[in-house]
């Protein structure tokens, strides 16, 4: 039977995971992928694969860092955040170049791309998760369970929001011009936010 204290930690981890999935850089990144598919199932799968990539990297880095009693330095954490900003700009530019929905041949690449994006976000968020985990968990077992359930919450949250995000792209799929315009708007938002993100990270380097 799970102790009440551990159960509270797991519930907290699951809730925080769902909340984590809704962070602007996460939602914007996945929306650029969802905008390129006109099937709701693929949009949902983008969220699942993003969550799997995010969770896999967080668990890997978290376990290594906590097991060896190390920490991720501020400069490394900021460098990883900078990569996220660059990725958002890249995704936006790629979206502007693509006026077609993802075809059958590209589905496998589509899933890998979602997984990779989730992994990059996981790297950038690993420092914060390690700090949060050590603050909540009393031993290595609790730390692992907290990170695992945090990841499950993230997958669930991203599945939910990519499904919602996929609706306008699905509804506009029969109107090519509208569909292209929505995709371009999503891409431009990704570029603008990516530039803003990098500027903010750059400012923190000098604080």
N, C-alpha and C. Protein backbone atom coordinates (compact mmCIF):
# COMPACT_ATOMS: atom_id res chain seq x y z
N UNK A 1 0.84 -1.20 0.00
CA UNK A 1 0.00 0.00 0.00
C UNK A 1 0.88 1.25 0.00
N UNK A 2 0.54 2.21 -0.83
CA UNK A 2 1.30 3.44 -0.91
C UNK A 2 1.01 4.32 0.29
N UNK A 3 2.05 4.76 0.98
CA UNK A 3 1.88 5.63 2.12
C UNK A 3 1.26 6.95 1.69
N UNK A 4 0.52 7.55 2.64
CA UNK A 4 -0.18 8.79 2.31
C UNK A 4 0.78 9.90 1.90
N UNK A 5 1.95 9.95 2.55
CA UNK A 5 2.93 10.97 2.21
C UNK A 5 3.45 10.80 0.80
N UNK A 6 3.74 9.53 0.42
CA UNK A 6 4.23 9.25 -0.92
C UNK A 6 3.13 9.50 -1.95
N UNK A 7 1.90 9.14 -1.61
CA UNK A 7 0.78 9.37 -2.51
C UNK A 7 0.61 10.86 -2.79
N UNK A 8 0.79 11.67 -1.77
CA UNK A 8 0.68 13.13 -1.95
C UNK A 8 1.76 13.64 -2.89
N UNK A 9 2.96 13.09 -2.74
CA UNK A 9 4.07 13.49 -3.61
C UNK A 9 3.78 13.11 -5.06
N UNK A 10 3.23 11.90 -5.26
CA UNK A 10 2.92 11.43 -6.61
C UNK A 10 1.81 12.25 -7.24
N UNK A 11 0.79 12.58 -6.46
CA UNK A 11 -0.29 13.42 -6.97
C UNK A 11 0.22 14.80 -7.34
N UNK A 12 1.14 15.31 -6.52
CA UNK A 12 1.75 16.61 -6.82
C UNK A 12 2.55 16.53 -8.11
N UNK A 13 3.32 15.46 -8.24
CA UNK A 13 4.13 15.29 -9.45
C UNK A 13 3.28 15.20 -10.70
N UNK A 14 2.17 14.47 -10.64
CA UNK A 14 1.26 14.34 -11.78
C UNK A 14 0.64 15.68 -12.15
N UNK A 15 0.20 16.42 -11.13
CA UNK A 15 -0.41 17.74 -11.36
C UNK A 15 0.59 18.72 -11.95
N UNK A 16 1.80 18.72 -11.41
CA UNK A 16 2.84 19.61 -11.92
C UNK A 16 3.24 19.23 -13.35
N UNK A 17 3.18 17.93 -13.65
CA UNK A 17 3.49 17.47 -15.00
C UNK A 17 2.49 18.00 -16.02
N UNK A 18 1.21 17.95 -15.66
CA UNK A 18 0.17 18.49 -16.54
C UNK A 18 0.38 19.99 -16.74
N UNK A 19 0.65 20.68 -15.64
CA UNK A 19 0.87 22.13 -15.71
C UNK A 19 2.11 22.45 -16.56
N UNK A 20 3.13 21.63 -16.41
CA UNK A 20 4.38 21.82 -17.15
C UNK A 20 4.15 21.74 -18.65
N UNK A 21 3.24 20.85 -19.05
CA UNK A 21 2.96 20.67 -20.48
C UNK A 21 2.37 21.91 -21.12
N UNK A 22 1.77 22.77 -20.31
CA UNK A 22 1.08 23.94 -20.87
C UNK A 22 1.98 25.18 -20.95
N UNK A 23 3.26 25.04 -20.63
CA UNK A 23 4.15 26.20 -20.72
C UNK A 23 4.22 26.68 -22.17
N UNK A 24 4.27 27.99 -22.36
CA UNK A 24 4.18 28.56 -23.72
C UNK A 24 5.13 27.96 -24.74
N UNK A 25 6.40 27.78 -24.37
CA UNK A 25 7.36 27.26 -25.35
C UNK A 25 7.02 25.82 -25.76
N UNK A 26 6.43 25.05 -24.85
CA UNK A 26 6.03 23.69 -25.18
C UNK A 26 4.85 23.69 -26.14
N UNK A 27 3.83 24.44 -25.80
CA UNK A 27 2.61 24.48 -26.61
C UNK A 27 2.91 25.03 -28.00
N UNK A 28 3.71 26.09 -28.06
CA UNK A 28 4.04 26.71 -29.36
C UNK A 28 4.82 25.74 -30.24
N UNK A 29 5.79 25.03 -29.64
CA UNK A 29 6.59 24.09 -30.42
C UNK A 29 5.73 22.99 -31.03
N UNK A 30 4.85 22.42 -30.22
CA UNK A 30 4.02 21.32 -30.71
C UNK A 30 2.96 21.82 -31.69
N UNK A 31 2.49 23.04 -31.50
CA UNK A 31 1.46 23.57 -32.41
C UNK A 31 2.01 23.73 -33.82
N UNK A 32 3.31 24.01 -33.96
CA UNK A 32 3.89 24.12 -35.30
C UNK A 32 3.89 22.78 -36.01
N UNK A 33 3.98 21.70 -35.23
CA UNK A 33 3.91 20.35 -35.82
C UNK A 33 2.47 19.99 -36.12
N UNK A 34 1.59 20.27 -35.14
CA UNK A 34 0.18 19.94 -35.32
C UNK A 34 -0.42 20.67 -36.52
N UNK A 35 0.11 21.85 -36.80
CA UNK A 35 -0.43 22.65 -37.91
C UNK A 35 -0.15 22.01 -39.27
N UNK A 36 0.81 21.09 -39.30
CA UNK A 36 1.19 20.47 -40.56
C UNK A 36 0.49 19.14 -40.82
N UNK A 37 -0.41 18.76 -39.93
CA UNK A 37 -1.19 17.55 -40.13
C UNK A 37 -2.67 17.89 -40.05
N UNK A 38 -3.46 17.28 -40.86
CA UNK A 38 -4.90 17.59 -40.90
C UNK A 38 -5.72 16.45 -40.30
N UNK A 39 -5.07 15.58 -39.55
CA UNK A 39 -5.79 14.51 -38.86
C UNK A 39 -5.62 14.69 -37.36
N UNK A 40 -6.73 14.64 -36.64
CA UNK A 40 -6.69 14.86 -35.21
C UNK A 40 -5.87 13.79 -34.50
N UNK A 41 -5.91 12.57 -35.02
CA UNK A 41 -5.16 11.48 -34.40
C UNK A 41 -3.66 11.74 -34.45
N UNK A 42 -3.20 12.29 -35.56
CA UNK A 42 -1.77 12.59 -35.68
C UNK A 42 -1.37 13.76 -34.79
N UNK A 43 -2.26 14.71 -34.66
CA UNK A 43 -2.01 15.83 -33.76
C UNK A 43 -1.87 15.33 -32.33
N UNK A 44 -2.76 14.41 -31.95
CA UNK A 44 -2.70 13.82 -30.60
C UNK A 44 -1.41 13.02 -30.42
N UNK A 45 -1.04 12.28 -31.47
CA UNK A 45 0.20 11.50 -31.40
C UNK A 45 1.43 12.39 -31.26
N UNK A 46 1.36 13.58 -31.85
CA UNK A 46 2.47 14.53 -31.70
C UNK A 46 2.68 14.85 -30.22
N UNK A 47 1.57 15.02 -29.50
CA UNK A 47 1.66 15.29 -28.07
C UNK A 47 2.21 14.12 -27.29
N UNK A 48 1.78 12.92 -27.66
CA UNK A 48 2.25 11.72 -26.97
C UNK A 48 3.74 11.53 -27.17
N UNK A 49 4.19 11.63 -28.43
CA UNK A 49 5.62 11.44 -28.70
C UNK A 49 6.47 12.55 -28.10
N UNK A 50 5.94 13.78 -28.10
CA UNK A 50 6.64 14.88 -27.42
C UNK A 50 6.81 14.52 -25.95
N UNK A 51 5.73 14.07 -25.32
CA UNK A 51 5.78 13.72 -23.91
C UNK A 51 6.73 12.58 -23.62
N UNK A 52 6.77 11.58 -24.51
CA UNK A 52 7.68 10.45 -24.32
C UNK A 52 9.14 10.90 -24.41
N UNK A 53 9.45 11.75 -25.39
CA UNK A 53 10.81 12.26 -25.52
C UNK A 53 11.20 13.10 -24.32
N UNK A 54 10.29 13.94 -23.89
CA UNK A 54 10.51 14.83 -22.75
C UNK A 54 10.76 14.01 -21.48
N UNK A 55 9.92 13.01 -21.26
CA UNK A 55 10.03 12.18 -20.06
C UNK A 55 11.31 11.34 -20.07
N UNK A 56 11.64 10.76 -21.22
CA UNK A 56 12.83 9.91 -21.32
C UNK A 56 14.10 10.68 -20.95
N UNK A 57 14.24 11.89 -21.48
CA UNK A 57 15.43 12.70 -21.20
C UNK A 57 15.45 13.17 -19.76
N UNK A 58 14.29 13.61 -19.26
CA UNK A 58 14.22 14.06 -17.87
C UNK A 58 14.60 12.95 -16.90
N UNK A 59 14.10 11.74 -17.14
CA UNK A 59 14.42 10.61 -16.28
C UNK A 59 15.91 10.28 -16.35
N UNK A 60 16.44 10.26 -17.56
CA UNK A 60 17.86 9.92 -17.75
C UNK A 60 18.76 10.92 -17.04
N UNK A 61 18.57 12.20 -17.33
CA UNK A 61 19.41 13.24 -16.72
C UNK A 61 19.16 13.32 -15.22
N UNK A 62 17.89 13.26 -14.82
CA UNK A 62 17.55 13.36 -13.40
C UNK A 62 18.16 12.26 -12.57
N UNK A 63 18.06 11.03 -13.06
CA UNK A 63 18.60 9.89 -12.32
C UNK A 63 20.11 9.99 -12.20
N UNK A 64 20.77 10.34 -13.30
CA UNK A 64 22.24 10.46 -13.28
C UNK A 64 22.69 11.54 -12.30
N UNK A 65 22.07 12.70 -12.40
CA UNK A 65 22.48 13.83 -11.55
C UNK A 65 22.21 13.54 -10.08
N UNK A 66 21.02 13.04 -9.76
CA UNK A 66 20.67 12.78 -8.36
C UNK A 66 21.49 11.63 -7.80
N UNK A 67 21.72 10.58 -8.60
CA UNK A 67 22.49 9.42 -8.14
C UNK A 67 23.91 9.79 -7.75
N UNK A 68 24.50 10.71 -8.49
CA UNK A 68 25.88 11.11 -8.21
C UNK A 68 25.97 12.36 -7.34
N UNK A 69 24.81 12.83 -6.89
CA UNK A 69 24.79 13.99 -6.00
C UNK A 69 25.33 15.25 -6.64
N UNK A 70 25.13 15.37 -7.92
CA UNK A 70 25.62 16.53 -8.65
C UNK A 70 24.50 17.53 -8.89
N UNK A 71 24.84 18.63 -9.52
CA UNK A 71 23.83 19.62 -9.91
C UNK A 71 24.19 20.17 -11.29
N UNK A 72 23.21 20.72 -11.95
CA UNK A 72 23.43 21.30 -13.27
C UNK A 72 23.69 22.80 -13.09
N UNK A 73 24.83 23.24 -13.54
CA UNK A 73 25.22 24.64 -13.33
C UNK A 73 24.29 25.59 -14.07
N UNK A 74 24.23 26.82 -13.59
CA UNK A 74 23.38 27.83 -14.20
C UNK A 74 23.75 28.11 -15.64
N UNK A 75 25.04 28.11 -15.96
CA UNK A 75 25.47 28.41 -17.33
C UNK A 75 25.04 27.31 -18.29
N UNK A 76 25.12 26.05 -17.84
CA UNK A 76 24.69 24.93 -18.68
C UNK A 76 23.18 24.98 -18.89
N UNK A 77 22.46 25.26 -17.79
CA UNK A 77 20.99 25.34 -17.88
C UNK A 77 20.56 26.43 -18.86
N UNK A 78 21.23 27.58 -18.81
CA UNK A 78 20.89 28.67 -19.72
C UNK A 78 21.24 28.33 -21.17
N UNK A 79 22.34 27.60 -21.35
CA UNK A 79 22.73 27.19 -22.70
C UNK A 79 21.69 26.26 -23.31
N UNK A 80 21.15 25.37 -22.49
CA UNK A 80 20.12 24.46 -22.95
C UNK A 80 18.83 25.22 -23.27
N UNK A 81 18.53 26.23 -22.47
CA UNK A 81 17.36 27.07 -22.73
C UNK A 81 17.52 27.82 -24.05
N UNK A 82 18.76 28.24 -24.33
CA UNK A 82 19.03 28.94 -25.58
C UNK A 82 18.74 28.05 -26.79
N UNK A 83 19.07 26.76 -26.65
CA UNK A 83 18.79 25.81 -27.72
C UNK A 83 17.30 25.71 -27.99
N UNK A 84 16.50 25.79 -26.93
CA UNK A 84 15.05 25.76 -27.08
C UNK A 84 14.58 26.94 -27.94
N UNK A 85 15.11 28.12 -27.64
CA UNK A 85 14.74 29.30 -28.42
C UNK A 85 15.11 29.15 -29.88
N UNK A 86 16.29 28.62 -30.14
CA UNK A 86 16.73 28.39 -31.52
C UNK A 86 15.83 27.38 -32.22
N UNK A 87 15.42 26.35 -31.47
CA UNK A 87 14.55 25.33 -32.03
C UNK A 87 13.19 25.92 -32.41
N UNK A 88 12.66 26.81 -31.59
CA UNK A 88 11.38 27.44 -31.89
C UNK A 88 11.44 28.26 -33.18
N UNK A 89 12.55 28.96 -33.35
CA UNK A 89 12.74 29.74 -34.59
C UNK A 89 12.83 28.80 -35.79
N UNK A 90 13.57 27.73 -35.63
CA UNK A 90 13.71 26.75 -36.72
C UNK A 90 12.36 26.13 -37.09
N UNK A 91 11.58 25.76 -36.08
CA UNK A 91 10.27 25.16 -36.34
C UNK A 91 9.36 26.14 -37.06
N UNK A 92 9.43 27.41 -36.66
CA UNK A 92 8.63 28.42 -37.31
C UNK A 92 9.00 28.62 -38.76
N UNK A 93 10.29 28.68 -39.02
CA UNK A 93 10.77 28.83 -40.40
C UNK A 93 10.39 27.62 -41.25
N UNK A 94 10.48 26.43 -40.66
CA UNK A 94 10.10 25.21 -41.39
C UNK A 94 8.61 25.21 -41.72
N UNK A 95 7.82 25.71 -40.75
CA UNK A 95 6.38 25.78 -40.97
C UNK A 95 6.01 26.74 -42.09
N UNK A 96 6.75 27.83 -42.22
CA UNK A 96 6.46 28.81 -43.28
C UNK A 96 6.78 28.24 -44.66
N UNK A 97 7.71 27.31 -44.70
CA UNK A 97 8.09 26.71 -45.98
C UNK A 97 7.18 25.57 -46.39
N UNK A 98 6.40 25.08 -45.43
CA UNK A 98 5.55 23.92 -45.71
C UNK A 98 4.09 24.34 -45.84
N UNK A 99 3.53 24.17 -47.02
CA UNK A 99 2.12 24.48 -47.28
C UNK A 99 1.28 23.23 -47.43
N UNK A 100 1.91 22.08 -47.18
CA UNK A 100 1.18 20.82 -47.38
C UNK A 100 1.07 20.04 -46.07
N UNK A 101 0.02 19.26 -45.98
CA UNK A 101 -0.15 18.40 -44.81
C UNK A 101 0.87 17.27 -44.86
N UNK A 102 1.16 16.70 -43.72
CA UNK A 102 2.10 15.59 -43.66
C UNK A 102 1.50 14.37 -44.35
N UNK A 103 2.23 13.77 -45.26
CA UNK A 103 1.71 12.61 -45.97
C UNK A 103 2.11 11.31 -45.29
N UNK A 104 1.66 10.19 -45.85
CA UNK A 104 1.88 8.89 -45.24
C UNK A 104 3.37 8.58 -45.10
N UNK A 105 4.15 8.90 -46.10
CA UNK A 105 5.59 8.62 -46.09
C UNK A 105 6.29 9.35 -44.95
N UNK A 106 5.77 10.53 -44.60
CA UNK A 106 6.45 11.35 -43.59
C UNK A 106 5.96 11.11 -42.16
N UNK A 107 5.03 10.17 -41.96
CA UNK A 107 4.48 9.95 -40.62
C UNK A 107 5.55 9.51 -39.64
N UNK A 108 6.42 8.59 -40.07
CA UNK A 108 7.47 8.09 -39.19
C UNK A 108 8.40 9.22 -38.77
N UNK A 109 8.78 10.07 -39.71
CA UNK A 109 9.63 11.22 -39.41
C UNK A 109 8.90 12.19 -38.50
N UNK A 110 7.61 12.34 -38.71
CA UNK A 110 6.77 13.22 -37.91
C UNK A 110 6.83 12.83 -36.44
N UNK A 111 6.73 11.53 -36.16
CA UNK A 111 6.78 11.04 -34.79
C UNK A 111 8.18 11.23 -34.18
N UNK A 112 9.20 10.97 -34.99
CA UNK A 112 10.56 11.15 -34.50
C UNK A 112 10.84 12.62 -34.19
N UNK A 113 10.31 13.50 -35.03
CA UNK A 113 10.50 14.93 -34.83
C UNK A 113 9.85 15.37 -33.52
N UNK A 114 8.65 14.88 -33.25
CA UNK A 114 7.95 15.22 -32.01
C UNK A 114 8.74 14.72 -30.81
N UNK A 115 9.25 13.49 -30.92
CA UNK A 115 10.05 12.90 -29.83
C UNK A 115 11.30 13.72 -29.57
N UNK A 116 11.98 14.13 -30.65
CA UNK A 116 13.21 14.91 -30.53
C UNK A 116 12.94 16.27 -29.89
N UNK A 117 11.87 16.93 -30.30
CA UNK A 117 11.53 18.22 -29.73
C UNK A 117 11.25 18.09 -28.23
N UNK A 118 10.52 17.04 -27.87
CA UNK A 118 10.25 16.79 -26.47
C UNK A 118 11.53 16.55 -25.69
N UNK A 119 12.47 15.84 -26.31
CA UNK A 119 13.75 15.57 -25.66
C UNK A 119 14.55 16.85 -25.42
N UNK A 120 14.54 17.74 -26.39
CA UNK A 120 15.26 19.01 -26.23
C UNK A 120 14.65 19.83 -25.11
N UNK A 121 13.32 19.86 -25.05
CA UNK A 121 12.65 20.55 -23.94
C UNK A 121 12.98 19.89 -22.61
N UNK A 122 13.12 18.55 -22.65
CA UNK A 122 13.48 17.83 -21.43
C UNK A 122 14.86 18.20 -20.93
N UNK A 123 15.80 18.34 -21.85
CA UNK A 123 17.15 18.78 -21.47
C UNK A 123 17.11 20.14 -20.81
N UNK A 124 16.37 21.05 -21.42
CA UNK A 124 16.30 22.41 -20.90
C UNK A 124 15.63 22.47 -19.53
N UNK A 125 14.70 21.55 -19.28
CA UNK A 125 13.97 21.58 -18.01
C UNK A 125 14.55 20.68 -16.94
N UNK A 126 15.64 19.98 -17.27
CA UNK A 126 16.20 19.00 -16.33
C UNK A 126 16.71 19.64 -15.04
N UNK A 127 17.33 20.80 -15.15
CA UNK A 127 17.87 21.45 -13.94
C UNK A 127 16.76 21.80 -12.96
N UNK A 128 15.68 22.36 -13.47
CA UNK A 128 14.56 22.74 -12.62
C UNK A 128 13.91 21.51 -12.00
N UNK A 129 13.80 20.42 -12.78
CA UNK A 129 13.16 19.21 -12.25
C UNK A 129 13.99 18.59 -11.14
N UNK A 130 15.32 18.59 -11.30
CA UNK A 130 16.19 18.03 -10.26
C UNK A 130 16.02 18.80 -8.96
N UNK A 131 15.98 20.12 -9.05
CA UNK A 131 15.79 20.95 -7.86
C UNK A 131 14.44 20.65 -7.21
N UNK A 132 13.40 20.56 -8.03
CA UNK A 132 12.06 20.30 -7.53
C UNK A 132 11.97 18.90 -6.91
N UNK A 133 12.62 17.93 -7.53
CA UNK A 133 12.58 16.55 -7.04
C UNK A 133 13.27 16.42 -5.69
N UNK A 134 14.45 17.00 -5.59
CA UNK A 134 15.19 16.91 -4.32
C UNK A 134 14.46 17.64 -3.20
N UNK A 135 13.65 18.62 -3.55
CA UNK A 135 12.89 19.35 -2.53
C UNK A 135 11.70 18.53 -2.04
N UNK A 136 11.18 17.65 -2.88
CA UNK A 136 9.98 16.88 -2.54
C UNK A 136 10.30 15.48 -2.01
N UNK A 137 11.28 14.82 -2.60
CA UNK A 137 11.56 13.43 -2.28
C UNK A 137 12.55 13.29 -1.12
N UNK A 138 12.36 12.25 -0.33
CA UNK A 138 13.22 12.02 0.82
C UNK A 138 14.28 10.96 0.54
N UNK A 139 14.13 10.21 -0.52
CA UNK A 139 15.11 9.18 -0.87
C UNK A 139 15.09 8.96 -2.38
N UNK A 140 16.01 8.12 -2.85
CA UNK A 140 16.14 7.91 -4.29
C UNK A 140 14.91 7.24 -4.89
N UNK A 141 14.25 6.38 -4.14
CA UNK A 141 13.03 5.72 -4.63
C UNK A 141 11.93 6.75 -4.87
N UNK A 142 11.72 7.61 -3.92
CA UNK A 142 10.71 8.65 -4.07
C UNK A 142 11.07 9.61 -5.19
N UNK A 143 12.37 9.88 -5.34
CA UNK A 143 12.82 10.78 -6.40
C UNK A 143 12.48 10.20 -7.78
N UNK A 144 12.76 8.89 -7.94
CA UNK A 144 12.47 8.24 -9.22
C UNK A 144 10.97 8.24 -9.50
N UNK A 145 10.18 7.88 -8.49
CA UNK A 145 8.73 7.83 -8.67
C UNK A 145 8.16 9.22 -8.98
N UNK A 146 8.72 10.24 -8.31
CA UNK A 146 8.25 11.60 -8.56
C UNK A 146 8.52 12.01 -9.99
N UNK A 147 9.73 11.75 -10.47
CA UNK A 147 10.07 12.12 -11.85
C UNK A 147 9.24 11.32 -12.85
N UNK A 148 9.01 10.04 -12.54
CA UNK A 148 8.24 9.19 -13.44
C UNK A 148 6.79 9.68 -13.55
N UNK A 149 6.16 9.94 -12.41
CA UNK A 149 4.76 10.38 -12.44
C UNK A 149 4.65 11.80 -12.99
N UNK A 150 5.69 12.61 -12.80
CA UNK A 150 5.75 13.94 -13.41
C UNK A 150 5.72 13.79 -14.93
N UNK A 151 6.50 12.82 -15.42
CA UNK A 151 6.53 12.56 -16.86
C UNK A 151 5.20 12.07 -17.39
N UNK A 152 4.54 11.19 -16.63
CA UNK A 152 3.22 10.70 -17.03
C UNK A 152 2.23 11.85 -17.12
N UNK A 153 2.29 12.75 -16.13
CA UNK A 153 1.42 13.92 -16.14
C UNK A 153 1.70 14.81 -17.34
N UNK A 154 2.97 14.94 -17.70
CA UNK A 154 3.35 15.75 -18.86
C UNK A 154 2.82 15.14 -20.15
N UNK A 155 2.93 13.82 -20.28
CA UNK A 155 2.41 13.14 -21.47
C UNK A 155 0.90 13.33 -21.57
N UNK A 156 0.21 13.14 -20.46
CA UNK A 156 -1.24 13.30 -20.44
C UNK A 156 -1.64 14.73 -20.80
N UNK A 157 -0.95 15.70 -20.19
CA UNK A 157 -1.26 17.10 -20.44
C UNK A 157 -1.02 17.49 -21.89
N UNK A 158 0.09 17.03 -22.45
CA UNK A 158 0.40 17.38 -23.83
C UNK A 158 -0.54 16.68 -24.80
N UNK A 159 -0.94 15.44 -24.48
CA UNK A 159 -1.93 14.74 -25.30
C UNK A 159 -3.22 15.55 -25.35
N UNK A 160 -3.65 16.02 -24.20
CA UNK A 160 -4.89 16.78 -24.12
C UNK A 160 -4.81 18.07 -24.93
N UNK A 161 -3.71 18.81 -24.76
CA UNK A 161 -3.62 20.11 -25.41
C UNK A 161 -3.30 20.03 -26.90
N UNK A 162 -2.58 19.00 -27.33
CA UNK A 162 -2.34 18.88 -28.77
C UNK A 162 -3.62 18.43 -29.48
N UNK A 163 -4.45 17.68 -28.79
CA UNK A 163 -5.74 17.31 -29.37
C UNK A 163 -6.62 18.55 -29.55
N UNK A 164 -6.61 19.41 -28.54
CA UNK A 164 -7.37 20.66 -28.63
C UNK A 164 -6.78 21.56 -29.71
N UNK A 165 -5.45 21.63 -29.75
CA UNK A 165 -4.78 22.47 -30.74
C UNK A 165 -5.03 21.96 -32.15
N UNK A 166 -5.23 20.66 -32.28
CA UNK A 166 -5.42 20.09 -33.60
C UNK A 166 -6.78 20.39 -34.21
N UNK A 167 -7.75 20.77 -33.38
CA UNK A 167 -9.11 21.01 -33.87
C UNK A 167 -9.20 22.10 -34.93
N UNK A 168 -8.62 23.30 -34.70
CA UNK A 168 -8.73 24.34 -35.75
C UNK A 168 -8.05 23.94 -37.05
N UNK A 169 -6.97 23.19 -36.96
CA UNK A 169 -6.28 22.74 -38.18
C UNK A 169 -7.12 21.70 -38.91
N UNK A 170 -7.80 20.86 -38.13
CA UNK A 170 -8.69 19.85 -38.73
C UNK A 170 -9.88 20.52 -39.41
N UNK A 171 -10.49 21.48 -38.73
CA UNK A 171 -11.68 22.14 -39.26
C UNK A 171 -11.37 22.97 -40.52
N UNK A 172 -10.13 23.43 -40.62
CA UNK A 172 -9.77 24.26 -41.77
C UNK A 172 -9.15 23.46 -42.92
N UNK A 173 -9.04 22.14 -42.72
CA UNK A 173 -8.32 21.31 -43.69
C UNK A 173 -8.95 21.32 -45.08
N UNK A 174 -10.27 21.53 -45.16
CA UNK A 174 -10.94 21.53 -46.46
C UNK A 174 -10.89 22.88 -47.15
N UNK A 175 -10.43 23.88 -46.43
CA UNK A 175 -10.27 25.21 -47.03
C UNK A 175 -8.77 25.52 -47.08
N UNK A 176 -8.19 25.24 -48.22
CA UNK A 176 -6.74 25.28 -48.35
C UNK A 176 -6.14 26.62 -47.95
N UNK A 177 -6.72 27.71 -48.43
CA UNK A 177 -6.17 29.04 -48.14
C UNK A 177 -6.21 29.34 -46.64
N UNK A 178 -7.34 29.01 -46.00
CA UNK A 178 -7.47 29.24 -44.56
C UNK A 178 -6.49 28.36 -43.79
N UNK A 179 -6.35 27.12 -44.23
CA UNK A 179 -5.44 26.19 -43.59
C UNK A 179 -4.00 26.69 -43.65
N UNK A 180 -3.60 27.19 -44.82
CA UNK A 180 -2.25 27.72 -45.00
C UNK A 180 -2.03 28.94 -44.12
N UNK A 181 -3.03 29.80 -44.05
CA UNK A 181 -2.91 31.02 -43.23
C UNK A 181 -2.76 30.69 -41.74
N UNK A 182 -3.53 29.70 -41.27
CA UNK A 182 -3.43 29.29 -39.86
C UNK A 182 -2.05 28.72 -39.57
N UNK A 183 -1.56 27.91 -40.51
CA UNK A 183 -0.22 27.34 -40.35
C UNK A 183 0.84 28.44 -40.29
N UNK A 184 0.69 29.44 -41.13
CA UNK A 184 1.65 30.54 -41.16
C UNK A 184 1.60 31.36 -39.87
N UNK A 185 0.40 31.56 -39.35
CA UNK A 185 0.26 32.30 -38.09
C UNK A 185 0.97 31.54 -36.96
N UNK A 186 0.75 30.23 -36.91
CA UNK A 186 1.39 29.40 -35.89
C UNK A 186 2.92 29.46 -36.03
N UNK A 187 3.39 29.47 -37.27
CA UNK A 187 4.83 29.52 -37.53
C UNK A 187 5.43 30.86 -37.13
N UNK A 188 4.72 31.94 -37.44
CA UNK A 188 5.21 33.28 -37.09
C UNK A 188 5.27 33.45 -35.57
N UNK A 189 4.24 32.94 -34.89
CA UNK A 189 4.23 33.00 -33.42
C UNK A 189 5.44 32.26 -32.86
N UNK A 190 5.75 31.10 -33.45
CA UNK A 190 6.90 30.32 -33.00
C UNK A 190 8.21 31.09 -33.20
N UNK A 191 8.35 31.76 -34.34
CA UNK A 191 9.56 32.53 -34.61
C UNK A 191 9.69 33.71 -33.64
N UNK A 192 8.61 34.46 -33.48
CA UNK A 192 8.63 35.64 -32.61
C UNK A 192 8.93 35.24 -31.16
N UNK A 193 8.24 34.19 -30.70
CA UNK A 193 8.46 33.77 -29.31
C UNK A 193 9.86 33.19 -29.14
N UNK A 194 10.36 32.49 -30.17
CA UNK A 194 11.71 31.94 -30.10
C UNK A 194 12.76 33.03 -29.98
N UNK A 195 12.61 34.11 -30.74
CA UNK A 195 13.54 35.24 -30.65
C UNK A 195 13.46 35.89 -29.28
N UNK A 196 12.23 36.11 -28.81
CA UNK A 196 12.02 36.68 -27.47
C UNK A 196 12.66 35.81 -26.40
N UNK A 197 12.47 34.50 -26.54
CA UNK A 197 13.01 33.53 -25.58
C UNK A 197 14.53 33.63 -25.53
N UNK A 198 15.16 33.71 -26.69
CA UNK A 198 16.62 33.78 -26.73
C UNK A 198 17.13 35.10 -26.13
N UNK A 199 16.40 36.17 -26.37
CA UNK A 199 16.79 37.47 -25.80
C UNK A 199 16.74 37.41 -24.28
N UNK A 200 15.68 36.81 -23.74
CA UNK A 200 15.53 36.70 -22.28
C UNK A 200 16.62 35.82 -21.69
N UNK A 201 16.93 34.72 -22.37
CA UNK A 201 18.00 33.84 -21.89
C UNK A 201 19.34 34.57 -21.93
N UNK A 202 19.58 35.32 -23.02
CA UNK A 202 20.81 36.09 -23.14
C UNK A 202 20.96 37.12 -22.04
N UNK A 203 19.87 37.76 -21.68
CA UNK A 203 19.91 38.74 -20.59
C UNK A 203 20.27 38.09 -19.27
N UNK A 204 19.79 36.87 -19.04
CA UNK A 204 20.08 36.17 -17.78
C UNK A 204 21.54 35.75 -17.67
N UNK A 205 22.21 35.62 -18.81
CA UNK A 205 23.63 35.28 -18.79
C UNK A 205 24.45 36.38 -18.11
N UNK A 206 23.95 37.61 -18.19
CA UNK A 206 24.71 38.75 -17.68
C UNK A 206 24.18 39.27 -16.34
N UNK A 207 23.21 38.55 -15.78
CA UNK A 207 22.67 38.97 -14.47
C UNK A 207 23.45 38.28 -13.36
